N, C-alpha and C. Protein backbone atom coordinates (compact mmCIF):
# COMPACT_ATOMS: atom_id res chain seq x y z
N MET A 1 0.85 -1.20 0.00
CA MET A 1 0.00 0.00 0.00
C MET A 1 0.89 1.25 0.00
N ALA A 2 0.59 2.17 -0.90
CA ALA A 2 1.43 3.37 -1.01
C ALA A 2 1.26 4.24 0.22
N SER A 3 2.38 4.77 0.67
CA SER A 3 2.31 5.64 1.85
C SER A 3 1.75 7.01 1.46
N LYS A 4 0.99 7.56 2.36
CA LYS A 4 0.41 8.88 2.13
C LYS A 4 1.47 9.96 2.25
N SER A 5 1.48 10.85 1.27
CA SER A 5 2.44 11.96 1.31
C SER A 5 1.95 13.03 2.27
N ARG A 6 2.89 13.61 2.98
CA ARG A 6 2.53 14.67 3.92
C ARG A 6 2.22 15.97 3.17
N PRO A 7 1.22 16.72 3.61
CA PRO A 7 0.92 18.00 2.94
C PRO A 7 2.07 18.97 3.13
N ARG A 8 2.38 19.67 2.06
CA ARG A 8 3.47 20.63 2.12
C ARG A 8 3.04 21.86 2.93
N SER A 9 3.92 22.30 3.79
CA SER A 9 3.61 23.51 4.55
C SER A 9 3.79 24.73 3.67
N ALA A 10 2.95 25.73 3.88
CA ALA A 10 3.03 26.96 3.09
C ALA A 10 4.35 27.68 3.39
N PRO A 11 4.98 28.24 2.35
CA PRO A 11 6.24 28.95 2.59
C PRO A 11 6.02 30.15 3.52
N ALA A 12 7.01 30.44 4.33
CA ALA A 12 6.90 31.56 5.26
C ALA A 12 6.79 32.88 4.50
N LYS A 13 5.97 33.76 5.00
CA LYS A 13 5.79 35.05 4.35
C LYS A 13 6.77 36.08 4.93
N HIS A 14 7.18 37.01 4.09
CA HIS A 14 7.98 38.13 4.56
C HIS A 14 7.08 39.07 5.36
N ARG A 15 7.55 39.48 6.52
CA ARG A 15 6.75 40.28 7.45
C ARG A 15 7.14 41.76 7.33
N LEU A 16 6.15 42.60 7.04
CA LEU A 16 6.39 44.03 6.83
C LEU A 16 5.78 44.84 7.97
N PHE A 17 6.47 45.89 8.36
CA PHE A 17 5.96 46.82 9.37
C PHE A 17 5.71 48.16 8.69
N LEU A 18 4.52 48.75 8.88
CA LEU A 18 4.12 49.98 8.21
C LEU A 18 4.18 51.17 9.16
N VAL A 19 4.77 52.28 8.69
CA VAL A 19 4.83 53.50 9.49
C VAL A 19 4.29 54.65 8.65
N ASP A 20 3.14 55.17 9.04
CA ASP A 20 2.52 56.31 8.35
C ASP A 20 1.52 56.93 9.31
N ASP A 21 1.46 58.26 9.33
CA ASP A 21 0.56 58.90 10.29
C ASP A 21 -0.87 59.03 9.78
N HIS A 22 -1.17 58.48 8.62
CA HIS A 22 -2.54 58.51 8.09
C HIS A 22 -3.12 57.10 8.15
N PRO A 23 -4.12 56.87 9.00
CA PRO A 23 -4.71 55.53 9.13
C PRO A 23 -5.24 54.97 7.81
N ILE A 24 -5.79 55.84 6.97
CA ILE A 24 -6.35 55.37 5.70
C ILE A 24 -5.25 54.84 4.80
N ILE A 25 -4.08 55.50 4.82
CA ILE A 25 -2.95 55.03 4.02
C ILE A 25 -2.49 53.66 4.52
N ARG A 26 -2.37 53.52 5.84
CA ARG A 26 -1.94 52.23 6.40
C ARG A 26 -2.93 51.13 6.05
N GLU A 27 -4.22 51.45 6.15
CA GLU A 27 -5.24 50.45 5.83
C GLU A 27 -5.15 50.04 4.36
N GLY A 28 -4.97 51.04 3.48
CA GLY A 28 -4.87 50.75 2.05
C GLY A 28 -3.65 49.91 1.73
N LEU A 29 -2.52 50.26 2.34
CA LEU A 29 -1.29 49.49 2.12
C LEU A 29 -1.46 48.05 2.61
N GLY A 30 -2.10 47.94 3.78
CA GLY A 30 -2.32 46.61 4.34
C GLY A 30 -3.14 45.73 3.42
N LYS A 31 -4.17 46.29 2.80
CA LYS A 31 -5.02 45.51 1.90
C LYS A 31 -4.25 45.09 0.65
N ILE A 32 -3.43 46.01 0.13
CA ILE A 32 -2.64 45.69 -1.06
C ILE A 32 -1.63 44.58 -0.75
N ILE A 33 -0.94 44.72 0.38
CA ILE A 33 0.09 43.74 0.75
C ILE A 33 -0.52 42.38 1.05
N SER A 34 -1.71 42.37 1.66
CA SER A 34 -2.35 41.10 2.04
C SER A 34 -2.75 40.26 0.83
N GLN A 35 -2.82 40.88 -0.34
CA GLN A 35 -3.17 40.15 -1.56
C GLN A 35 -1.97 39.39 -2.14
N GLU A 36 -0.78 39.67 -1.60
CA GLU A 36 0.43 39.01 -2.10
C GLU A 36 0.69 37.73 -1.31
N ALA A 37 0.96 36.64 -2.02
CA ALA A 37 1.12 35.33 -1.37
C ALA A 37 2.35 35.27 -0.46
N ASP A 38 3.35 36.11 -0.74
CA ASP A 38 4.62 36.01 0.00
C ASP A 38 4.83 37.14 1.00
N LEU A 39 3.81 38.00 1.19
CA LEU A 39 3.97 39.15 2.06
C LEU A 39 2.82 39.25 3.06
N GLU A 40 3.11 39.81 4.24
CA GLU A 40 2.07 40.10 5.21
C GLU A 40 2.51 41.26 6.09
N VAL A 41 1.53 41.96 6.65
CA VAL A 41 1.80 43.06 7.58
C VAL A 41 1.80 42.51 8.99
N CYS A 42 2.90 42.74 9.71
CA CYS A 42 2.99 42.22 11.08
C CYS A 42 2.75 43.29 12.14
N GLY A 43 2.71 44.56 11.72
CA GLY A 43 2.48 45.63 12.67
C GLY A 43 2.50 46.98 11.99
N GLU A 44 2.07 48.01 12.72
CA GLU A 44 2.04 49.35 12.17
C GLU A 44 2.13 50.39 13.27
N ALA A 45 2.49 51.61 12.89
CA ALA A 45 2.61 52.71 13.85
C ALA A 45 2.43 54.02 13.10
N ASP A 46 2.05 55.08 13.86
CA ASP A 46 1.87 56.38 13.22
C ASP A 46 2.93 57.40 13.61
N THR A 47 3.87 57.02 14.49
CA THR A 47 4.99 57.91 14.85
C THR A 47 6.28 57.11 14.85
N ALA A 48 7.39 57.83 14.72
CA ALA A 48 8.71 57.17 14.72
C ALA A 48 9.01 56.52 16.06
N ASP A 49 8.67 57.20 17.15
CA ASP A 49 8.95 56.65 18.47
C ASP A 49 8.19 55.36 18.72
N GLU A 50 6.89 55.36 18.37
CA GLU A 50 6.09 54.14 18.54
C GLU A 50 6.65 53.03 17.65
N ALA A 51 6.99 53.37 16.42
CA ALA A 51 7.51 52.38 15.48
C ALA A 51 8.79 51.75 15.99
N PHE A 52 9.70 52.56 16.51
CA PHE A 52 11.00 52.05 16.96
C PHE A 52 10.82 50.98 18.03
N GLY A 53 9.92 51.23 18.98
CA GLY A 53 9.68 50.26 20.04
C GLY A 53 9.04 48.98 19.53
N ARG A 54 8.04 49.11 18.68
CA ARG A 54 7.32 47.93 18.20
C ARG A 54 8.17 47.11 17.23
N ILE A 55 8.99 47.78 16.43
CA ILE A 55 9.85 47.06 15.49
C ILE A 55 10.85 46.18 16.24
N GLY A 56 11.37 46.70 17.36
CA GLY A 56 12.28 45.91 18.17
C GLY A 56 11.63 44.66 18.73
N GLU A 57 10.34 44.75 19.02
CA GLU A 57 9.61 43.60 19.57
C GLU A 57 9.21 42.60 18.48
N LEU A 58 8.72 43.11 17.34
CA LEU A 58 8.14 42.26 16.31
C LEU A 58 9.17 41.69 15.34
N LYS A 59 10.31 42.37 15.21
CA LYS A 59 11.39 41.91 14.33
C LYS A 59 10.90 41.60 12.90
N PRO A 60 10.39 42.61 12.20
CA PRO A 60 9.92 42.39 10.83
C PRO A 60 11.09 42.17 9.87
N ASP A 61 10.76 41.76 8.66
CA ASP A 61 11.77 41.57 7.62
C ASP A 61 12.05 42.86 6.86
N LEU A 62 11.10 43.79 6.90
CA LEU A 62 11.25 45.06 6.20
C LEU A 62 10.34 46.10 6.83
N VAL A 63 10.81 47.34 6.87
CA VAL A 63 10.01 48.46 7.36
C VAL A 63 9.67 49.36 6.17
N LEU A 64 8.40 49.69 6.03
CA LEU A 64 7.93 50.59 4.99
C LEU A 64 7.45 51.87 5.68
N THR A 65 8.15 52.99 5.44
CA THR A 65 7.83 54.21 6.19
C THR A 65 7.68 55.43 5.30
N ASP A 66 6.90 56.38 5.78
CA ASP A 66 6.79 57.69 5.13
C ASP A 66 7.91 58.57 5.66
N ILE A 67 8.15 59.70 5.00
CA ILE A 67 9.14 60.68 5.47
C ILE A 67 8.51 61.62 6.49
N GLY A 68 7.35 62.16 6.16
CA GLY A 68 6.70 63.14 7.04
C GLY A 68 5.92 62.46 8.15
N LEU A 69 6.48 62.47 9.35
CA LEU A 69 5.83 61.89 10.52
C LEU A 69 5.79 62.92 11.64
N PRO A 70 4.80 62.87 12.52
CA PRO A 70 4.77 63.80 13.66
C PRO A 70 5.92 63.53 14.62
N GLY A 71 6.54 64.59 15.12
CA GLY A 71 7.71 64.42 15.99
C GLY A 71 8.93 64.11 15.16
N LYS A 72 9.57 62.97 15.42
CA LYS A 72 10.72 62.56 14.62
C LYS A 72 10.28 62.25 13.18
N SER A 73 11.11 62.63 12.22
CA SER A 73 10.79 62.37 10.82
C SER A 73 11.15 60.94 10.44
N GLY A 74 10.72 60.55 9.25
CA GLY A 74 11.10 59.24 8.74
C GLY A 74 12.59 59.09 8.58
N LEU A 75 13.27 60.18 8.21
CA LEU A 75 14.72 60.14 8.08
C LEU A 75 15.38 59.82 9.43
N GLU A 76 14.87 60.44 10.49
CA GLU A 76 15.43 60.18 11.82
C GLU A 76 15.14 58.75 12.27
N LEU A 77 13.96 58.23 11.91
CA LEU A 77 13.64 56.84 12.23
C LEU A 77 14.61 55.91 11.51
N ILE A 78 14.91 56.19 10.26
CA ILE A 78 15.84 55.35 9.51
C ILE A 78 17.21 55.35 10.18
N GLN A 79 17.68 56.52 10.59
CA GLN A 79 18.97 56.61 11.27
C GLN A 79 18.97 55.79 12.56
N ASP A 80 17.90 55.91 13.35
CA ASP A 80 17.82 55.18 14.62
C ASP A 80 17.81 53.67 14.38
N LEU A 81 17.03 53.23 13.38
CA LEU A 81 16.95 51.81 13.09
C LEU A 81 18.27 51.29 12.54
N HIS A 82 18.92 52.08 11.72
CA HIS A 82 20.19 51.65 11.13
C HIS A 82 21.26 51.48 12.21
N ALA A 83 21.19 52.34 13.24
CA ALA A 83 22.16 52.24 14.33
C ALA A 83 21.87 51.02 15.21
N ALA A 84 20.58 50.75 15.47
CA ALA A 84 20.21 49.67 16.38
C ALA A 84 20.09 48.32 15.68
N LEU A 85 19.58 48.33 14.44
CA LEU A 85 19.33 47.09 13.69
C LEU A 85 19.87 47.27 12.27
N PRO A 86 21.18 47.29 12.11
CA PRO A 86 21.77 47.63 10.81
C PRO A 86 21.39 46.68 9.67
N GLU A 87 20.97 45.46 9.98
CA GLU A 87 20.61 44.50 8.92
C GLU A 87 19.15 44.63 8.48
N LEU A 88 18.37 45.44 9.21
CA LEU A 88 16.95 45.57 8.88
C LEU A 88 16.76 46.55 7.72
N PRO A 89 16.23 46.12 6.59
CA PRO A 89 16.04 47.04 5.46
C PRO A 89 14.82 47.95 5.67
N VAL A 90 14.98 49.19 5.25
CA VAL A 90 13.90 50.18 5.34
C VAL A 90 13.66 50.76 3.95
N LEU A 91 12.41 50.75 3.52
CA LEU A 91 12.00 51.32 2.24
C LEU A 91 11.07 52.49 2.51
N VAL A 92 11.34 53.63 1.88
CA VAL A 92 10.49 54.81 2.06
C VAL A 92 9.41 54.84 0.99
N LEU A 93 8.18 55.08 1.41
CA LEU A 93 7.05 55.31 0.51
C LEU A 93 6.49 56.67 0.87
N SER A 94 6.65 57.65 -0.03
CA SER A 94 6.33 59.02 0.34
C SER A 94 5.75 59.79 -0.84
N MET A 95 5.00 60.84 -0.53
CA MET A 95 4.48 61.73 -1.57
C MET A 95 5.52 62.77 -1.98
N HIS A 96 6.57 62.94 -1.18
CA HIS A 96 7.58 63.94 -1.48
C HIS A 96 8.44 63.51 -2.65
N ASP A 97 8.89 64.49 -3.42
CA ASP A 97 9.66 64.24 -4.63
C ASP A 97 10.92 63.42 -4.34
N GLU A 98 11.08 62.35 -5.09
CA GLU A 98 12.23 61.46 -4.92
C GLU A 98 13.55 62.20 -5.11
N SER A 99 13.57 63.18 -6.03
CA SER A 99 14.80 63.89 -6.32
C SER A 99 15.30 64.70 -5.13
N VAL A 100 14.39 65.06 -4.22
CA VAL A 100 14.77 65.84 -3.04
C VAL A 100 15.27 64.95 -1.92
N TYR A 101 14.64 63.79 -1.73
CA TYR A 101 14.89 63.00 -0.53
C TYR A 101 15.65 61.68 -0.73
N ALA A 102 15.66 61.13 -1.94
CA ALA A 102 16.18 59.77 -2.11
C ALA A 102 17.62 59.62 -1.64
N GLU A 103 18.49 60.57 -2.00
CA GLU A 103 19.89 60.43 -1.61
C GLU A 103 20.04 60.51 -0.09
N ARG A 104 19.29 61.39 0.55
CA ARG A 104 19.36 61.48 2.02
C ARG A 104 18.88 60.19 2.67
N VAL A 105 17.85 59.59 2.10
CA VAL A 105 17.35 58.32 2.64
C VAL A 105 18.44 57.25 2.58
N LEU A 106 19.13 57.15 1.43
CA LEU A 106 20.19 56.15 1.30
C LEU A 106 21.35 56.45 2.24
N ARG A 107 21.70 57.71 2.39
CA ARG A 107 22.80 58.07 3.29
C ARG A 107 22.44 57.80 4.75
N ALA A 108 21.15 57.88 5.07
CA ALA A 108 20.71 57.61 6.45
C ALA A 108 20.68 56.11 6.76
N GLY A 109 20.75 55.28 5.72
CA GLY A 109 20.73 53.83 5.93
C GLY A 109 19.55 53.14 5.29
N GLY A 110 18.66 53.91 4.60
CA GLY A 110 17.54 53.30 3.92
C GLY A 110 17.99 52.53 2.69
N ARG A 111 17.10 51.67 2.19
CA ARG A 111 17.45 50.82 1.05
C ARG A 111 16.65 51.15 -0.20
N GLY A 112 15.80 52.17 -0.13
CA GLY A 112 15.05 52.50 -1.33
C GLY A 112 14.04 53.60 -1.10
N TYR A 113 13.49 54.09 -2.21
CA TYR A 113 12.55 55.21 -2.16
C TYR A 113 11.53 55.05 -3.28
N VAL A 114 10.26 55.04 -2.92
CA VAL A 114 9.18 54.95 -3.90
C VAL A 114 8.18 56.05 -3.60
N MET A 115 7.75 56.75 -4.64
CA MET A 115 6.73 57.77 -4.44
C MET A 115 5.34 57.11 -4.44
N LYS A 116 4.44 57.63 -3.61
CA LYS A 116 3.11 57.04 -3.49
C LYS A 116 2.36 57.07 -4.81
N GLN A 117 2.71 58.01 -5.67
CA GLN A 117 2.05 58.12 -6.96
C GLN A 117 2.45 57.00 -7.90
N ALA A 118 3.47 56.23 -7.55
CA ALA A 118 3.99 55.20 -8.46
C ALA A 118 3.00 54.06 -8.68
N GLY A 119 2.16 53.77 -7.70
CA GLY A 119 1.17 52.71 -7.86
C GLY A 119 1.60 51.40 -7.23
N PRO A 120 0.64 50.49 -6.99
CA PRO A 120 0.91 49.22 -6.30
C PRO A 120 1.95 48.34 -6.97
N ALA A 121 1.94 48.24 -8.30
CA ALA A 121 2.86 47.33 -8.98
C ALA A 121 4.32 47.72 -8.75
N LEU A 122 4.62 49.00 -8.89
CA LEU A 122 5.99 49.47 -8.67
C LEU A 122 6.37 49.36 -7.20
N MET A 123 5.39 49.58 -6.30
CA MET A 123 5.67 49.44 -4.88
C MET A 123 6.05 48.00 -4.55
N MET A 124 5.30 47.04 -5.09
CA MET A 124 5.61 45.63 -4.84
C MET A 124 6.96 45.25 -5.42
N GLN A 125 7.27 45.79 -6.58
CA GLN A 125 8.57 45.52 -7.19
C GLN A 125 9.69 46.04 -6.29
N ALA A 126 9.52 47.25 -5.75
CA ALA A 126 10.53 47.84 -4.87
C ALA A 126 10.67 47.03 -3.58
N ILE A 127 9.55 46.61 -3.01
CA ILE A 127 9.59 45.80 -1.78
C ILE A 127 10.39 44.53 -2.00
N ARG A 128 10.15 43.86 -3.10
CA ARG A 128 10.86 42.59 -3.36
C ARG A 128 12.33 42.83 -3.69
N GLN A 129 12.63 43.95 -4.34
CA GLN A 129 14.02 44.29 -4.60
C GLN A 129 14.79 44.47 -3.29
N VAL A 130 14.19 45.21 -2.37
CA VAL A 130 14.85 45.48 -1.09
C VAL A 130 14.97 44.20 -0.27
N LEU A 131 13.92 43.37 -0.27
CA LEU A 131 13.98 42.10 0.45
C LEU A 131 15.07 41.18 -0.12
N ALA A 132 15.37 41.37 -1.41
CA ALA A 132 16.42 40.57 -2.05
C ALA A 132 17.81 41.16 -1.84
N GLY A 133 17.89 42.23 -1.05
CA GLY A 133 19.19 42.81 -0.75
C GLY A 133 19.63 43.89 -1.71
N LYS A 134 18.73 44.33 -2.58
CA LYS A 134 19.07 45.35 -3.56
C LYS A 134 18.55 46.72 -3.10
N VAL A 135 18.98 47.76 -3.82
CA VAL A 135 18.51 49.12 -3.58
C VAL A 135 17.43 49.45 -4.61
N ALA A 136 16.35 50.08 -4.16
CA ALA A 136 15.24 50.39 -5.04
C ALA A 136 15.04 51.89 -5.18
N VAL A 137 15.58 52.47 -6.24
CA VAL A 137 15.30 53.86 -6.62
C VAL A 137 15.12 53.88 -8.13
N SER A 138 14.56 54.96 -8.64
CA SER A 138 14.35 55.05 -10.08
C SER A 138 15.68 55.15 -10.81
N PRO A 139 15.72 54.75 -12.08
CA PRO A 139 16.97 54.87 -12.85
C PRO A 139 17.52 56.29 -12.89
N ALA A 140 16.63 57.28 -12.96
CA ALA A 140 17.09 58.67 -13.02
C ALA A 140 17.81 59.07 -11.74
N ILE A 141 17.26 58.66 -10.60
CA ILE A 141 17.89 59.00 -9.32
C ILE A 141 19.18 58.23 -9.14
N SER A 142 19.20 56.97 -9.55
CA SER A 142 20.42 56.18 -9.47
C SER A 142 21.55 56.82 -10.25
N ALA A 143 21.24 57.31 -11.46
CA ALA A 143 22.25 57.96 -12.29
C ALA A 143 22.72 59.26 -11.66
N ALA A 144 21.78 60.02 -11.08
CA ALA A 144 22.14 61.30 -10.47
C ALA A 144 23.04 61.11 -9.25
N ILE A 145 22.75 60.07 -8.45
CA ILE A 145 23.56 59.80 -7.27
C ILE A 145 24.96 59.36 -7.67
N LEU A 146 25.05 58.50 -8.67
CA LEU A 146 26.37 58.06 -9.14
C LEU A 146 27.18 59.24 -9.67
N GLU A 147 26.51 60.13 -10.38
CA GLU A 147 27.20 61.30 -10.92
C GLU A 147 27.72 62.19 -9.80
N SER A 148 26.89 62.39 -8.77
CA SER A 148 27.30 63.26 -7.66
C SER A 148 28.47 62.67 -6.89
N LEU A 149 28.52 61.34 -6.81
CA LEU A 149 29.60 60.69 -6.07
C LEU A 149 30.92 60.69 -6.85
N THR A 150 30.83 60.69 -8.18
CA THR A 150 32.04 60.62 -9.00
C THR A 150 32.52 61.98 -9.47
N ARG A 151 31.69 63.02 -9.28
CA ARG A 151 32.10 64.36 -9.69
C ARG A 151 33.25 64.85 -8.82
N PRO A 152 34.31 65.40 -9.39
CA PRO A 152 35.44 65.89 -8.58
C PRO A 152 35.00 66.90 -7.54
N GLY A 153 35.43 66.65 -6.30
CA GLY A 153 35.11 67.58 -5.22
C GLY A 153 33.73 67.40 -4.63
N ALA A 154 32.99 66.43 -5.14
CA ALA A 154 31.63 66.23 -4.64
C ALA A 154 31.67 65.56 -3.28
N GLY A 155 30.78 65.97 -2.40
CA GLY A 155 30.67 65.36 -1.09
C GLY A 155 29.22 65.05 -0.81
N ARG A 156 28.84 65.17 0.41
CA ARG A 156 27.47 64.89 0.80
C ARG A 156 26.53 65.80 0.02
N ASP A 157 25.41 65.23 -0.49
CA ASP A 157 24.44 65.94 -1.30
C ASP A 157 25.09 66.65 -2.47
N GLY A 158 26.10 65.97 -3.08
CA GLY A 158 26.73 66.54 -4.24
C GLY A 158 27.52 67.78 -3.93
N GLY A 159 27.90 67.99 -2.68
CA GLY A 159 28.70 69.14 -2.33
C GLY A 159 27.88 70.41 -2.14
N SER A 160 26.55 70.32 -2.14
CA SER A 160 25.72 71.50 -2.01
C SER A 160 25.76 72.04 -0.59
N THR A 161 25.47 73.34 -0.47
CA THR A 161 25.44 73.95 0.87
C THR A 161 24.31 73.35 1.71
N VAL A 162 23.24 72.92 1.08
CA VAL A 162 22.13 72.30 1.80
C VAL A 162 22.59 71.01 2.48
N GLY A 163 23.65 70.40 1.95
CA GLY A 163 24.18 69.19 2.55
C GLY A 163 24.73 69.40 3.95
N LYS A 164 24.96 70.64 4.34
CA LYS A 164 25.45 70.93 5.70
C LYS A 164 24.35 70.76 6.74
N LEU A 165 23.11 70.78 6.30
CA LEU A 165 21.99 70.77 7.24
C LEU A 165 21.71 69.37 7.77
N SER A 166 21.25 69.32 9.02
CA SER A 166 20.77 68.05 9.57
C SER A 166 19.47 67.69 8.88
N ASN A 167 19.01 66.46 9.06
CA ASN A 167 17.76 66.04 8.43
C ASN A 167 16.58 66.87 8.90
N ARG A 168 16.56 67.23 10.17
CA ARG A 168 15.46 68.07 10.67
C ARG A 168 15.53 69.47 10.07
N GLU A 169 16.73 70.05 9.99
CA GLU A 169 16.89 71.37 9.39
C GLU A 169 16.52 71.33 7.91
N PHE A 170 16.88 70.25 7.25
CA PHE A 170 16.54 70.06 5.83
C PHE A 170 15.02 70.09 5.64
N GLU A 171 14.31 69.39 6.51
CA GLU A 171 12.85 69.35 6.44
C GLU A 171 12.25 70.73 6.68
N ILE A 172 12.78 71.44 7.64
CA ILE A 172 12.25 72.78 7.95
C ILE A 172 12.54 73.75 6.81
N LEU A 173 13.71 73.65 6.19
CA LEU A 173 14.02 74.49 5.03
C LEU A 173 13.00 74.25 3.92
N ARG A 174 12.66 72.99 3.69
CA ARG A 174 11.68 72.67 2.65
C ARG A 174 10.33 73.31 2.95
N LEU A 175 9.91 73.25 4.21
CA LEU A 175 8.63 73.84 4.59
C LEU A 175 8.64 75.36 4.50
N ILE A 176 9.77 75.97 4.87
CA ILE A 176 9.90 77.43 4.72
C ILE A 176 9.75 77.80 3.25
N GLY A 177 10.39 77.01 2.37
CA GLY A 177 10.32 77.27 0.94
C GLY A 177 8.92 77.11 0.37
N GLN A 178 8.06 76.40 1.09
CA GLN A 178 6.67 76.24 0.66
C GLN A 178 5.78 77.34 1.23
N GLY A 179 6.40 78.32 1.91
CA GLY A 179 5.64 79.44 2.43
C GLY A 179 5.09 79.25 3.82
N ARG A 180 5.57 78.23 4.55
CA ARG A 180 5.06 77.96 5.89
C ARG A 180 5.83 78.79 6.91
N ASP A 181 5.13 79.40 7.88
CA ASP A 181 5.80 80.15 8.93
C ASP A 181 6.10 79.21 10.11
N SER A 182 6.73 79.76 11.16
CA SER A 182 7.16 78.92 12.29
C SER A 182 5.99 78.22 12.96
N HIS A 183 4.86 78.91 13.06
CA HIS A 183 3.68 78.32 13.70
C HIS A 183 3.18 77.13 12.90
N ASP A 184 3.08 77.28 11.57
CA ASP A 184 2.63 76.19 10.72
C ASP A 184 3.59 75.00 10.78
N ILE A 185 4.90 75.31 10.75
CA ILE A 185 5.91 74.25 10.78
C ILE A 185 5.86 73.50 12.11
N ALA A 186 5.69 74.25 13.19
CA ALA A 186 5.61 73.62 14.51
C ALA A 186 4.44 72.65 14.58
N GLN A 187 3.29 73.05 14.02
CA GLN A 187 2.12 72.16 14.01
C GLN A 187 2.35 70.94 13.13
N ALA A 188 2.95 71.15 11.96
CA ALA A 188 3.16 70.05 11.02
C ALA A 188 4.12 69.01 11.57
N LEU A 189 5.15 69.46 12.28
CA LEU A 189 6.18 68.56 12.77
C LEU A 189 6.02 68.20 14.25
N HIS A 190 4.95 68.72 14.88
CA HIS A 190 4.68 68.46 16.29
C HIS A 190 5.86 68.90 17.16
N LEU A 191 6.34 70.12 16.88
CA LEU A 191 7.43 70.72 17.64
C LEU A 191 6.93 72.01 18.26
N SER A 192 7.68 72.55 19.23
CA SER A 192 7.35 73.86 19.78
C SER A 192 7.84 74.93 18.81
N ILE A 193 7.21 76.10 18.85
CA ILE A 193 7.65 77.21 17.99
C ILE A 193 9.08 77.60 18.36
N LYS A 194 9.42 77.53 19.63
CA LYS A 194 10.78 77.85 20.06
C LYS A 194 11.80 76.92 19.41
N THR A 195 11.47 75.62 19.35
CA THR A 195 12.37 74.66 18.72
C THR A 195 12.53 74.95 17.23
N VAL A 196 11.42 75.26 16.57
CA VAL A 196 11.48 75.59 15.14
C VAL A 196 12.35 76.82 14.92
N ASP A 197 12.17 77.85 15.76
CA ASP A 197 12.97 79.07 15.60
C ASP A 197 14.45 78.80 15.86
N THR A 198 14.75 77.89 16.77
CA THR A 198 16.15 77.51 17.00
C THR A 198 16.74 76.86 15.75
N HIS A 199 15.97 75.98 15.13
CA HIS A 199 16.42 75.34 13.89
C HIS A 199 16.60 76.38 12.78
N ARG A 200 15.68 77.33 12.71
CA ARG A 200 15.81 78.38 11.69
C ARG A 200 17.12 79.15 11.88
N GLY A 201 17.44 79.43 13.13
CA GLY A 201 18.70 80.13 13.41
C GLY A 201 19.90 79.31 12.99
N ASN A 202 19.85 78.00 13.24
CA ASN A 202 20.95 77.12 12.83
C ASN A 202 21.08 77.06 11.31
N ILE A 203 19.94 77.04 10.63
CA ILE A 203 19.95 77.01 9.17
C ILE A 203 20.60 78.27 8.62
N LYS A 204 20.22 79.42 9.16
CA LYS A 204 20.80 80.69 8.71
C LYS A 204 22.31 80.69 8.92
N SER A 205 22.73 80.19 10.06
CA SER A 205 24.17 80.17 10.36
C SER A 205 24.93 79.27 9.40
N LYS A 206 24.40 78.07 9.15
CA LYS A 206 25.08 77.11 8.28
C LYS A 206 25.11 77.56 6.83
N LEU A 207 24.08 78.27 6.40
CA LEU A 207 24.00 78.70 5.00
C LEU A 207 24.55 80.10 4.79
N GLY A 208 25.01 80.74 5.87
CA GLY A 208 25.58 82.07 5.74
C GLY A 208 24.56 83.14 5.40
N LEU A 209 23.35 82.99 5.93
CA LEU A 209 22.26 83.95 5.67
C LEU A 209 22.14 84.91 6.84
N ARG A 210 21.92 86.18 6.54
CA ARG A 210 21.99 87.20 7.59
C ARG A 210 20.70 87.37 8.37
N ASN A 211 19.57 87.12 7.75
CA ASN A 211 18.30 87.37 8.43
C ASN A 211 17.21 86.46 7.86
N SER A 212 16.01 86.60 8.43
CA SER A 212 14.90 85.74 8.03
C SER A 212 14.47 85.98 6.59
N THR A 213 14.59 87.22 6.13
CA THR A 213 14.22 87.52 4.75
C THR A 213 15.10 86.76 3.77
N GLU A 214 16.42 86.77 4.04
CA GLU A 214 17.33 86.02 3.18
C GLU A 214 17.05 84.51 3.26
N LEU A 215 16.69 84.04 4.45
CA LEU A 215 16.36 82.62 4.62
C LEU A 215 15.15 82.25 3.77
N ILE A 216 14.10 83.06 3.81
CA ILE A 216 12.89 82.77 3.04
C ILE A 216 13.19 82.79 1.55
N HIS A 217 13.93 83.80 1.09
CA HIS A 217 14.27 83.89 -0.33
C HIS A 217 15.08 82.67 -0.77
N TYR A 218 16.05 82.29 0.06
CA TYR A 218 16.88 81.11 -0.27
C TYR A 218 16.02 79.87 -0.35
N ALA A 219 15.15 79.68 0.67
CA ALA A 219 14.32 78.47 0.73
C ALA A 219 13.37 78.38 -0.45
N VAL A 220 12.74 79.49 -0.80
CA VAL A 220 11.79 79.50 -1.92
C VAL A 220 12.52 79.18 -3.23
N ARG A 221 13.69 79.77 -3.41
CA ARG A 221 14.47 79.51 -4.62
C ARG A 221 14.91 78.05 -4.68
N TRP A 222 15.36 77.52 -3.53
CA TRP A 222 15.83 76.13 -3.48
C TRP A 222 14.70 75.15 -3.77
N VAL A 223 13.53 75.37 -3.16
CA VAL A 223 12.39 74.49 -3.42
C VAL A 223 11.99 74.56 -4.89
N GLY A 224 12.04 75.77 -5.46
CA GLY A 224 11.71 75.91 -6.89
C GLY A 224 12.65 75.15 -7.79
N GLU A 225 13.92 75.07 -7.41
CA GLU A 225 14.90 74.35 -8.20
C GLU A 225 14.69 72.84 -8.17
N GLN A 226 14.03 72.35 -7.08
CA GLN A 226 13.78 70.91 -6.97
C GLN A 226 12.57 70.46 -7.76
N ALA A 227 11.74 71.43 -8.16
CA ALA A 227 10.49 71.08 -8.84
C ALA A 227 10.74 70.51 -10.23
């Protein structure tokens, strides 16, 4: 009598952790990911601090995070995770222009950058690329980063003066360039107005700007150049 074959166990799924401060976005991402046979969501958070704690407990295979988060930014979360869990890959999914943030994400320890406008198919492709140990950015950004690294005298952020700024200062400069005042920025980033003004002062010092008017003009021009 032929022996009965044992049923094959289903292959283990890659476990993803989602970080986004919009519940609807997290819910939508969860539904998209749940349709994939090899992927599942193991947890989620809406702030960097909450995410850092839960990621340490759940030990996901990949973290999918936005850049704009209340309190600490996604860039700061990537830096914290890279320091504590250097083997954990992090992929950014954001509405912000890839040309502005992708290089900073990679320098912070992230493994890729996808814009939310790219759609589910490209997002899944990027997730699998990162899980396979590769970097996921668009060909245009990959070429630009390689050029900046090989250009004589190029340093961080291609040697630009903006490269002197910390990630938090970089974010505040972007918001200033969009016409946001200290009160608006404080609300958007969940910071005190005093903290925002301190960062503004640091930005002026690092960029050699004499006053707030010069800072606003610089920020508006810089944001326009990224468009």
